[in-house]
Amino acid sequence: MSERRAKIERRRELKKKREANRGVVAKGRVQAPLARKRPSPRWMLYLIFASLGIGFLTIFINYLGVLPGGASNWYLLVGIVLLAVGFYTATKYR
């Protein structure tokens, strides 16, 4: 019976340690909520639209063959990278 009691005590101690790591304080009090993240700077919105727009235009103009050197895979790569930068920045916008 004492082994069972020791196991129960160990479980209680582990539970208390886990609660302390999560921010729960003894006697049921909870730690204050964390500060909210600040909104994104204004220039980030401009970066999103600029990179998406320039990337789209680069790909579109490449297919028209207007760019120097004619249609090239490098222009496509630049356009796709700019689109990727725009989408990545958009996912980080708050």
C-alpha atoms as a PDB file:
ATOM      1  CA  MET A   1       0.000   0.000   0.000  1.00  0.00           C
ATOM      2  CA  SER A   2       2.860   2.389   0.730  1.00  0.00           C
ATOM      3  CA  GLU A   3       4.231   1.931  -2.816  1.00  0.00           C
ATOM      4  CA  ARG A   4       0.910   3.005  -4.238  1.00  0.00           C
ATOM      5  CA  ARG A   5       0.852   6.052  -1.972  1.00  0.00           C
ATOM      6  CA  ALA A   6       4.394   6.949  -3.066  1.00  0.00           C
ATOM      7  CA  LYS A   7       3.351   6.754  -6.729  1.00  0.00           C
ATOM      8  CA  ILE A   8       0.395   9.023  -6.047  1.00  0.00           C
ATOM      9  CA  GLU A   9       2.642  11.540  -4.293  1.00  0.00           C
ATOM     10  CA  ARG A  10       5.115  11.501  -7.187  1.00  0.00           C
ATOM     11  CA  ARG A  11       2.289  12.136  -9.644  1.00  0.00           C
ATOM     12  CA  ARG A  12       1.066  15.069  -7.556  1.00  0.00           C
ATOM     13  CA  GLU A  13       4.564  16.564  -7.438  1.00  0.00           C
ATOM     14  CA  LEU A  14       4.961  16.197 -11.207  1.00  0.00           C
ATOM     15  CA  LYS A  15       1.556  17.806 -11.730  1.00  0.00           C
ATOM     16  CA  LYS A  16       2.570  20.771  -9.551  1.00  0.00           C
ATOM     17  CA  LYS A  17       5.818  21.186 -11.518  1.00  0.00           C
ATOM     18  CA  ARG A  18       3.945  21.105 -14.826  1.00  0.00           C
ATOM     19  CA  GLU A  19       1.443  23.678 -13.556  1.00  0.00           C
ATOM     20  CA  ALA A  20       4.274  25.917 -12.388  1.00  0.00           C
ATOM     21  CA  ASN A  21       5.877  25.719 -15.844  1.00  0.00           C
ATOM     22  CA  ARG A  22       2.558  26.722 -17.461  1.00  0.00           C
ATOM     23  CA  GLY A  23       2.212  29.761 -15.232  1.00  0.00           C
ATOM     24  CA  VAL A  24      -0.407  28.412 -12.813  1.00  0.00           C
ATOM     25  CA  VAL A  25       0.423  29.547  -9.308  1.00  0.00           C
ATOM     26  CA  ALA A  26      -0.419  27.689  -6.093  1.00  0.00           C
ATOM     27  CA  LYS A  27      -3.956  27.937  -4.636  1.00  0.00           C
ATOM     28  CA  GLY A  28      -5.582  28.186  -8.047  1.00  0.00           C
ATOM     29  CA  ARG A  29      -4.364  31.681  -8.940  1.00  0.00           C
ATOM     30  CA  VAL A  30      -3.381  32.155 -12.557  1.00  0.00           C
ATOM     31  CA  GLN A  31      -0.565  34.299 -13.843  1.00  0.00           C
ATOM     32  CA  ALA A  32      -1.510  37.541 -15.588  1.00  0.00           C
ATOM     33  CA  PRO A  33      -1.963  37.242 -19.366  1.00  0.00           C
ATOM     34  CA  LEU A  34       1.004  38.071 -21.552  1.00  0.00           C
ATOM     35  CA  ALA A  35       1.209  41.409 -23.317  1.00  0.00           C
ATOM     36  CA  ARG A  36      -0.273  41.487 -26.810  1.00  0.00           C
ATOM     37  CA  LYS A  37       1.963  41.766 -29.822  1.00  0.00           C
ATOM     38  CA  ARG A  38       2.214  45.185 -31.381  1.00  0.00           C
ATOM     39  CA  PRO A  39       0.621  45.756 -34.782  1.00  0.00           C
ATOM     40  CA  SER A  40       2.812  45.617 -37.861  1.00  0.00           C
ATOM     41  CA  PRO A  41       4.434  48.801 -39.147  1.00  0.00           C
ATOM     42  CA  ARG A  42       2.733  50.670 -41.985  1.00  0.00           C
ATOM     43  CA  TRP A  43       5.538  49.969 -44.478  1.00  0.00           C
ATOM     44  CA  MET A  44       4.900  46.240 -44.230  1.00  0.00           C
ATOM     45  CA  LEU A  45       1.542  46.654 -45.953  1.00  0.00           C
ATOM     46  CA  TYR A  46       3.205  48.549 -48.786  1.00  0.00           C
ATOM     47  CA  LEU A  47       5.864  45.835 -49.083  1.00  0.00           C
ATOM     48  CA  ILE A  48       3.172  43.157 -49.405  1.00  0.00           C
ATOM     49  CA  PHE A  49       1.308  44.884 -52.223  1.00  0.00           C
ATOM     50  CA  ALA A  50       4.464  46.065 -53.981  1.00  0.00           C
ATOM     51  CA  SER A  51       6.090  42.622 -54.059  1.00  0.00           C
ATOM     52  CA  LEU A  52       2.868  40.895 -55.153  1.00  0.00           C
ATOM     53  CA  GLY A  53       2.206  43.510 -57.832  1.00  0.00           C
ATOM     54  CA  ILE A  54       5.747  43.652 -59.215  1.00  0.00           C
ATOM     55  CA  GLY A  55       6.000  39.854 -59.167  1.00  0.00           C
ATOM     56  CA  PHE A  56       2.748  39.495 -61.100  1.00  0.00           C
ATOM     57  CA  LEU A  57       3.748  42.188 -63.594  1.00  0.00           C
ATOM     58  CA  THR A  58       7.182  40.617 -64.111  1.00  0.00           C
ATOM     59  CA  ILE A  59       5.625  37.260 -64.975  1.00  0.00           C
ATOM     60  CA  PHE A  60       2.935  38.855 -67.172  1.00  0.00           C
ATOM     61  CA  ILE A  61       5.356  41.077 -69.086  1.00  0.00           C
ATOM     62  CA  ASN A  62       7.726  38.134 -69.531  1.00  0.00           C
ATOM     63  CA  TYR A  63       4.997  36.222 -71.365  1.00  0.00           C
ATOM     64  CA  LEU A  64       4.400  39.232 -73.589  1.00  0.00           C
ATOM     65  CA  GLY A  65       8.090  39.169 -74.516  1.00  0.00           C
ATOM     66  CA  VAL A  66       8.580  42.889 -73.867  1.00  0.00           C
ATOM     67  CA  LEU A  67      11.470  42.570 -71.401  1.00  0.00           C
ATOM     68  CA  PRO A  68      15.057  42.877 -72.685  1.00  0.00           C
ATOM     69  CA  GLY A  69      16.362  39.565 -73.959  1.00  0.00           C
ATOM     70  CA  GLY A  70      12.877  38.237 -74.724  1.00  0.00           C
ATOM     71  CA  ALA A  71      11.068  35.628 -72.644  1.00  0.00           C
ATOM     72  CA  SER A  72      13.432  34.109 -70.114  1.00  0.00           C
ATOM     73  CA  ASN A  73      13.188  31.701 -67.228  1.00  0.00           C
ATOM     74  CA  TRP A  74      15.156  34.160 -65.071  1.00  0.00           C
ATOM     75  CA  TYR A  75      12.342  36.688 -65.282  1.00  0.00           C
ATOM     76  CA  LEU A  76       9.919  33.974 -64.245  1.00  0.00           C
ATOM     77  CA  LEU A  77      12.147  33.087 -61.298  1.00  0.00           C
ATOM     78  CA  VAL A  78      12.326  36.734 -60.190  1.00  0.00           C
ATOM     79  CA  GLY A  79       8.540  37.027 -60.461  1.00  0.00           C
ATOM     80  CA  ILE A  80       7.932  33.858 -58.461  1.00  0.00           C
ATOM     81  CA  VAL A  81      10.398  34.943 -55.756  1.00  0.00           C
ATOM     82  CA  LEU A  82       8.662  38.314 -55.475  1.00  0.00           C
ATOM     83  CA  LEU A  83       5.285  36.593 -55.190  1.00  0.00           C
ATOM     84  CA  ALA A  84       6.681  34.286 -52.494  1.00  0.00           C
ATOM     85  CA  VAL A  85       8.058  37.273 -50.563  1.00  0.00           C
ATOM     86  CA  GLY A  86       4.655  38.946 -50.786  1.00  0.00           C
ATOM     87  CA  PHE A  87       2.797  35.879 -49.526  1.00  0.00           C
ATOM     88  CA  TYR A  88       5.304  35.271 -46.728  1.00  0.00           C
ATOM     89  CA  THR A  89       5.096  38.897 -45.594  1.00  0.00           C
ATOM     90  CA  ALA A  90       1.300  38.739 -45.725  1.00  0.00           C
ATOM     91  CA  THR A  91       1.256  35.768 -43.338  1.00  0.00           C
ATOM     92  CA  LYS A  92       3.330  37.739 -40.810  1.00  0.00           C
ATOM     93  CA  TYR A  93       1.184  40.876 -40.993  1.00  0.00           C
ATOM     94  CA  ARG A  94      -0.762  41.727 -37.809  1.00  0.00           C
END
